[in-house]
Amino acid sequence: MGRRGHHHLGHRHRRHHDLRSQQEPGDQGTLITRGAQHGRPERWRSDRGALSLEMVVLLPLALSLLFLAVQGAVYYQSRTVALASAQEGARGAAGYEQTDEHGRSAALDFAARAGGDGLLESPDVEVTRDRGNGTVTVRVTGTTMSIIPGWDPQVSQSSTRAIEEFTRVEDFEGSGIDRTERPSW
């Protein structure tokens, strides 16, 4: 029994030696190991450092895409704050007997509360009244923070609202509207 086991180990050693001897000197091909003989993948000598090279190329690309996504989200949020500020300013300016200053103040207050520092920096509010159409338009413009050096994205949004006013019944005389008619609601 001892002899048979010894013979079996010697045979395995000889087979491994024969496979290595088939490789020519200086050959950079495959390095055959015992694992390769038993169905495990072969290891290539030329693969050394391949993972490091992939990381050198792919990591900056992945980080750039991440920064671009974050910058897009910040820009979108800044536009949302600018639009909400313009809507708030239009509500303030369009109120009954309100002035442009009421709208400007309402827009700036909302931008300060919602935008905070960095999201909507140095907002500028422009209020325009169109008395012919009975509307007021508020435009909020500012810059948003940037994680890309040297780039200051501009954000501008506007909102238009009808100016609230009360009318007297006498204002409708001669217009064809029957003032004795009750609303149907």
C-alpha atoms as a PDB file:
ATOM      1  CA  MET A   1       0.000   0.000   0.000  1.00  0.00           C
ATOM      2  CA  GLY A   2       2.795   2.411   0.801  1.00  0.00           C
ATOM      3  CA  ARG A   3       4.387   1.751  -2.513  1.00  0.00           C
ATOM      4  CA  ARG A   4       1.253   2.374  -4.504  1.00  0.00           C
ATOM      5  CA  GLY A   5       0.643   5.764  -2.805  1.00  0.00           C
ATOM      6  CA  HIS A   6       4.259   6.717  -3.400  1.00  0.00           C
ATOM      7  CA  HIS A   7       4.040   5.793  -7.065  1.00  0.00           C
ATOM      8  CA  HIS A   8       0.848   7.859  -7.463  1.00  0.00           C
ATOM      9  CA  LEU A   9       2.473  11.026  -6.018  1.00  0.00           C
ATOM     10  CA  GLY A  10       5.490  10.591  -8.231  1.00  0.00           C
ATOM     11  CA  HIS A  11       3.285  10.314 -11.288  1.00  0.00           C
ATOM     12  CA  ARG A  12       1.530  13.598 -10.478  1.00  0.00           C
ATOM     13  CA  HIS A  13       4.857  15.352  -9.978  1.00  0.00           C
ATOM     14  CA  ARG A  14       6.164  14.027 -13.274  1.00  0.00           C
ATOM     15  CA  ARG A  15       3.031  15.185 -15.152  1.00  0.00           C
ATOM     16  CA  HIS A  16       3.386  18.720 -13.723  1.00  0.00           C
ATOM     17  CA  HIS A  17       7.076  18.767 -14.651  1.00  0.00           C
ATOM     18  CA  ASP A  18       6.281  17.674 -18.210  1.00  0.00           C
ATOM     19  CA  LEU A  19       3.770  20.508 -18.682  1.00  0.00           C
ATOM     20  CA  ARG A  20       6.222  23.126 -17.433  1.00  0.00           C
ATOM     21  CA  SER A  21       8.959  21.801 -19.666  1.00  0.00           C
ATOM     22  CA  GLN A  22       6.785  22.419 -22.756  1.00  0.00           C
ATOM     23  CA  GLN A  23       7.077  26.147 -22.107  1.00  0.00           C
ATOM     24  CA  GLU A  24       9.952  27.723 -24.007  1.00  0.00           C
ATOM     25  CA  PRO A  25      12.528  29.851 -22.161  1.00  0.00           C
ATOM     26  CA  GLY A  26      11.604  33.564 -22.117  1.00  0.00           C
ATOM     27  CA  ASP A  27       7.974  32.796 -23.080  1.00  0.00           C
ATOM     28  CA  GLN A  28       5.557  35.370 -21.538  1.00  0.00           C
ATOM     29  CA  GLY A  29       2.476  33.232 -22.126  1.00  0.00           C
ATOM     30  CA  THR A  30       0.577  31.331 -19.527  1.00  0.00           C
ATOM     31  CA  LEU A  31       1.987  30.113 -16.291  1.00  0.00           C
ATOM     32  CA  ILE A  32       0.467  26.695 -15.759  1.00  0.00           C
ATOM     33  CA  THR A  33      -0.107  25.776 -12.169  1.00  0.00           C
ATOM     34  CA  ARG A  34      -1.668  22.787 -10.542  1.00  0.00           C
ATOM     35  CA  GLY A  35      -4.905  24.770 -10.178  1.00  0.00           C
ATOM     36  CA  ALA A  36      -5.152  25.150 -13.951  1.00  0.00           C
ATOM     37  CA  GLN A  37      -4.979  21.383 -14.371  1.00  0.00           C
ATOM     38  CA  HIS A  38      -7.988  20.938 -12.127  1.00  0.00           C
ATOM     39  CA  GLY A  39     -10.409  23.291 -13.928  1.00  0.00           C
ATOM     40  CA  ARG A  40      -9.444  26.554 -12.240  1.00  0.00           C
ATOM     41  CA  PRO A  41      -8.670  29.525 -14.500  1.00  0.00           C
ATOM     42  CA  GLU A  42      -5.147  30.099 -15.689  1.00  0.00           C
ATOM     43  CA  ARG A  43      -3.244  33.178 -14.612  1.00  0.00           C
ATOM     44  CA  TRP A  44      -1.601  35.340 -17.250  1.00  0.00           C
ATOM     45  CA  ARG A  45       1.720  36.921 -16.476  1.00  0.00           C
ATOM     46  CA  SER A  46       0.839  39.909 -18.672  1.00  0.00           C
ATOM     47  CA  ASP A  47      -2.201  40.764 -16.462  1.00  0.00           C
ATOM     48  CA  ARG A  48      -0.011  42.183 -13.712  1.00  0.00           C
ATOM     49  CA  GLY A  49      -1.132  45.722 -12.870  1.00  0.00           C
ATOM     50  CA  ALA A  50      -4.176  45.608 -15.156  1.00  0.00           C
ATOM     51  CA  LEU A  51      -6.538  46.381 -12.286  1.00  0.00           C
ATOM     52  CA  SER A  52      -4.487  49.416 -11.304  1.00  0.00           C
ATOM     53  CA  LEU A  53      -4.546  50.717 -14.871  1.00  0.00           C
ATOM     54  CA  GLU A  54      -8.315  50.247 -15.063  1.00  0.00           C
ATOM     55  CA  MET A  55      -8.728  52.182 -11.828  1.00  0.00           C
ATOM     56  CA  VAL A  56      -6.512  55.008 -13.078  1.00  0.00           C
ATOM     57  CA  VAL A  57      -8.765  55.375 -16.124  1.00  0.00           C
ATOM     58  CA  LEU A  58     -12.197  54.540 -14.699  1.00  0.00           C
ATOM     59  CA  LEU A  59     -12.072  56.233 -11.295  1.00  0.00           C
ATOM     60  CA  PRO A  60     -11.666  59.802 -12.635  1.00  0.00           C
ATOM     61  CA  LEU A  61     -14.404  59.124 -15.174  1.00  0.00           C
ATOM     62  CA  ALA A  62     -16.758  57.832 -12.481  1.00  0.00           C
ATOM     63  CA  LEU A  63     -15.984  60.777 -10.190  1.00  0.00           C
ATOM     64  CA  SER A  64     -16.540  63.244 -13.040  1.00  0.00           C
ATOM     65  CA  LEU A  65     -19.951  61.732 -13.732  1.00  0.00           C
ATOM     66  CA  LEU A  66     -20.793  61.914 -10.030  1.00  0.00           C
ATOM     67  CA  PHE A  67     -19.815  65.601  -9.819  1.00  0.00           C
ATOM     68  CA  LEU A  68     -21.784  66.353 -12.974  1.00  0.00           C
ATOM     69  CA  ALA A  69     -24.890  64.702 -11.487  1.00  0.00           C
ATOM     70  CA  VAL A  70     -24.519  66.675  -8.244  1.00  0.00           C
ATOM     71  CA  GLN A  71     -24.043  69.934 -10.179  1.00  0.00           C
ATOM     72  CA  GLY A  72     -27.165  69.179 -12.226  1.00  0.00           C
ATOM     73  CA  ALA A  73     -29.182  68.572  -9.056  1.00  0.00           C
ATOM     74  CA  VAL A  74     -27.954  71.825  -7.471  1.00  0.00           C
ATOM     75  CA  TYR A  75     -28.780  73.768 -10.655  1.00  0.00           C
ATOM     76  CA  TYR A  76     -32.269  72.240 -10.834  1.00  0.00           C
ATOM     77  CA  GLN A  77     -32.950  73.044  -7.162  1.00  0.00           C
ATOM     78  CA  SER A  78     -31.740  76.619  -7.681  1.00  0.00           C
ATOM     79  CA  ARG A  79     -34.147  77.038 -10.601  1.00  0.00           C
ATOM     80  CA  THR A  80     -36.969  75.697  -8.435  1.00  0.00           C
ATOM     81  CA  VAL A  81     -36.156  78.199  -5.657  1.00  0.00           C
ATOM     82  CA  ALA A  82     -35.953  81.055  -8.191  1.00  0.00           C
ATOM     83  CA  LEU A  83     -39.342  80.104  -9.671  1.00  0.00           C
ATOM     84  CA  ALA A  84     -40.992  79.809  -6.250  1.00  0.00           C
ATOM     85  CA  SER A  85     -39.487  83.189  -5.275  1.00  0.00           C
ATOM     86  CA  ALA A  86     -40.861  84.775  -8.449  1.00  0.00           C
ATOM     87  CA  GLN A  87     -44.306  83.298  -7.753  1.00  0.00           C
ATOM     88  CA  GLU A  88     -44.235  84.596  -4.186  1.00  0.00           C
ATOM     89  CA  GLY A  89     -43.162  88.017  -5.439  1.00  0.00           C
ATOM     90  CA  ALA A  90     -45.935  88.067  -8.051  1.00  0.00           C
ATOM     91  CA  ARG A  91     -48.502  87.210  -5.349  1.00  0.00           C
ATOM     92  CA  GLY A  92     -47.168  90.042  -3.197  1.00  0.00           C
ATOM     93  CA  ALA A  93     -47.134  92.605  -6.006  1.00  0.00           C
ATOM     94  CA  ALA A  94     -50.517  91.591  -7.465  1.00  0.00           C
ATOM     95  CA  GLY A  95     -52.416  91.928  -4.167  1.00  0.00           C
ATOM     96  CA  TYR A  96     -55.046  94.627  -3.800  1.00  0.00           C
ATOM     97  CA  GLU A  97     -53.357  98.039  -3.481  1.00  0.00           C
ATOM     98  CA  GLN A  98     -49.878  96.479  -3.236  1.00  0.00           C
ATOM     99  CA  THR A  99     -46.790  98.052  -4.768  1.00  0.00           C
ATOM    100  CA  ASP A 100     -43.809  96.728  -6.690  1.00  0.00           C
ATOM    101  CA  GLU A 101     -41.802  96.974  -3.476  1.00  0.00           C
ATOM    102  CA  HIS A 102     -44.159  94.497  -1.778  1.00  0.00           C
ATOM    103  CA  GLY A 103     -43.473  91.992  -4.560  1.00  0.00           C
ATOM    104  CA  ARG A 104     -39.720  92.598  -4.485  1.00  0.00           C
ATOM    105  CA  SER A 105     -39.616  92.165  -0.708  1.00  0.00           C
ATOM    106  CA  ALA A 106     -41.728  88.978  -0.803  1.00  0.00           C
ATOM    107  CA  ALA A 107     -39.485  87.449  -3.488  1.00  0.00           C
ATOM    108  CA  LEU A 108     -36.258  88.288  -1.652  1.00  0.00           C
ATOM    109  CA  ASP A 109     -37.610  87.001   1.672  1.00  0.00           C
ATOM    110  CA  PHE A 110     -38.640  83.692   0.117  1.00  0.00           C
ATOM    111  CA  ALA A 111     -35.300  83.329  -1.707  1.00  0.00           C
ATOM    112  CA  ALA A 112     -33.428  83.899   1.573  1.00  0.00           C
ATOM    113  CA  ARG A 113     -35.560  81.339   3.436  1.00  0.00           C
ATOM    114  CA  ALA A 114     -35.625  78.636   0.767  1.00  0.00           C
ATOM    115  CA  GLY A 115     -32.305  79.220  -0.977  1.00  0.00           C
ATOM    116  CA  GLY A 116     -30.108  79.867   2.002  1.00  0.00           C
ATOM    117  CA  ASP A 117     -26.421  80.470   1.399  1.00  0.00           C
ATOM    118  CA  GLY A 118     -25.073  79.176  -1.870  1.00  0.00           C
ATOM    119  CA  LEU A 119     -28.175  77.794  -3.511  1.00  0.00           C
ATOM    120  CA  LEU A 120     -29.418  81.120  -4.926  1.00  0.00           C
ATOM    121  CA  GLU A 121     -26.678  83.684  -4.408  1.00  0.00           C
ATOM    122  CA  SER A 122     -27.278  87.449  -4.721  1.00  0.00           C
ATOM    123  CA  PRO A 123     -30.798  87.257  -6.173  1.00  0.00           C
ATOM    124  CA  ASP A 124     -31.973  90.226  -8.224  1.00  0.00           C
ATOM    125  CA  VAL A 125     -35.723  90.879  -8.453  1.00  0.00           C
ATOM    126  CA  GLU A 126     -37.312  92.829 -11.300  1.00  0.00           C
ATOM    127  CA  VAL A 127     -41.024  93.740 -11.107  1.00  0.00           C
ATOM    128  CA  THR A 128     -42.884  94.849 -14.249  1.00  0.00           C
ATOM    129  CA  ARG A 129     -46.523  96.001 -14.334  1.00  0.00           C
ATOM    130  CA  ASP A 130     -48.624  95.895 -17.482  1.00  0.00           C
ATOM    131  CA  ARG A 131     -51.608  98.079 -16.655  1.00  0.00           C
ATOM    132  CA  GLY A 132     -53.153  97.500 -20.073  1.00  0.00           C
ATOM    133  CA  ASN A 133     -53.441  93.749 -19.464  1.00  0.00           C
ATOM    134  CA  GLY A 134     -53.793  94.097 -15.706  1.00  0.00           C
ATOM    135  CA  THR A 135     -50.831  91.824 -14.917  1.00  0.00           C
ATOM    136  CA  VAL A 136     -47.616  91.985 -12.939  1.00  0.00           C
ATOM    137  CA  THR A 137     -44.492  89.982 -13.821  1.00  0.00           C
ATOM    138  CA  VAL A 138     -41.720  89.236 -11.356  1.00  0.00           C
ATOM    139  CA  ARG A 139     -38.350  87.930 -12.595  1.00  0.00           C
ATOM    140  CA  VAL A 140     -35.804  86.519 -10.136  1.00  0.00           C
ATOM    141  CA  THR A 141     -32.214  86.159 -11.348  1.00  0.00           C
ATOM    142  CA  GLY A 142     -29.182  84.917  -9.451  1.00  0.00           C
ATOM    143  CA  THR A 143     -26.233  82.572  -9.481  1.00  0.00           C
ATOM    144  CA  THR A 144     -25.997  79.145  -7.946  1.00  0.00           C
ATOM    145  CA  MET A 145     -23.063  77.479  -6.288  1.00  0.00           C
ATOM    146  CA  SER A 146     -20.794  75.484  -8.533  1.00  0.00           C
ATOM    147  CA  ILE A 147     -18.560  72.539  -7.765  1.00  0.00           C
ATOM    148  CA  ILE A 148     -16.847  73.121 -11.114  1.00  0.00           C
ATOM    149  CA  PRO A 149     -14.122  75.745 -10.601  1.00  0.00           C
ATOM    150  CA  GLY A 150     -14.483  78.940 -12.629  1.00  0.00           C
ATOM    151  CA  TRP A 151     -18.118  78.386 -13.635  1.00  0.00           C
ATOM    152  CA  ASP A 152     -20.939  80.383 -12.034  1.00  0.00           C
ATOM    153  CA  PRO A 153     -24.243  79.155 -13.472  1.00  0.00           C
ATOM    154  CA  GLN A 154     -26.933  81.822 -13.890  1.00  0.00           C
ATOM    155  CA  VAL A 155     -30.525  81.057 -12.927  1.00  0.00           C
ATOM    156  CA  SER A 156     -33.496  83.164 -14.036  1.00  0.00           C
ATOM    157  CA  GLN A 157     -37.210  82.460 -13.594  1.00  0.00           C
ATOM    158  CA  SER A 158     -40.324  84.606 -13.884  1.00  0.00           C
ATOM    159  CA  SER A 159     -43.975  84.503 -12.881  1.00  0.00           C
ATOM    160  CA  THR A 160     -46.933  86.559 -14.122  1.00  0.00           C
ATOM    161  CA  ARG A 161     -50.123  87.128 -12.170  1.00  0.00           C
ATOM    162  CA  ALA A 162     -53.306  89.164 -12.649  1.00  0.00           C
ATOM    163  CA  ILE A 163     -53.477  92.309 -10.539  1.00  0.00           C
ATOM    164  CA  GLU A 164     -56.253  92.106  -7.953  1.00  0.00           C
ATOM    165  CA  GLU A 165     -58.682  95.000  -8.047  1.00  0.00           C
ATOM    166  CA  PHE A 166     -62.180  95.639  -6.857  1.00  0.00           C
ATOM    167  CA  THR A 167     -64.753  97.008  -9.231  1.00  0.00           C
ATOM    168  CA  ARG A 168     -67.982  98.803  -8.524  1.00  0.00           C
ATOM    169  CA  VAL A 169     -71.276  97.860 -10.027  1.00  0.00           C
ATOM    170  CA  GLU A 170     -71.395 101.241 -11.740  1.00  0.00           C
ATOM    171  CA  ASP A 171     -68.287 100.255 -13.725  1.00  0.00           C
ATOM    172  CA  PHE A 172     -70.406  97.656 -15.560  1.00  0.00           C
ATOM    173  CA  GLU A 173     -73.235 100.022 -16.623  1.00  0.00           C
ATOM    174  CA  GLY A 174     -73.493 100.182 -20.352  1.00  0.00           C
ATOM    175  CA  SER A 175     -71.416  97.003 -20.788  1.00  0.00           C
ATOM    176  CA  GLY A 176     -74.431  94.748 -21.357  1.00  0.00           C
ATOM    177  CA  ILE A 177     -74.093  92.993 -18.017  1.00  0.00           C
ATOM    178  CA  ASP A 178     -77.361  92.823 -16.054  1.00  0.00           C
ATOM    179  CA  ARG A 179     -76.477  93.791 -12.503  1.00  0.00           C
ATOM    180  CA  THR A 180     -79.723  92.443 -11.093  1.00  0.00           C
ATOM    181  CA  GLU A 181     -78.950  88.937 -12.338  1.00  0.00           C
ATOM    182  CA  ARG A 182     -77.763  86.659  -9.557  1.00  0.00           C
ATOM    183  CA  PRO A 183     -74.789  84.332 -10.057  1.00  0.00           C
ATOM    184  CA  SER A 184     -75.812  80.763 -10.856  1.00  0.00           C
ATOM    185  CA  TRP A 185     -73.450  79.095  -8.444  1.00  0.00           C
END
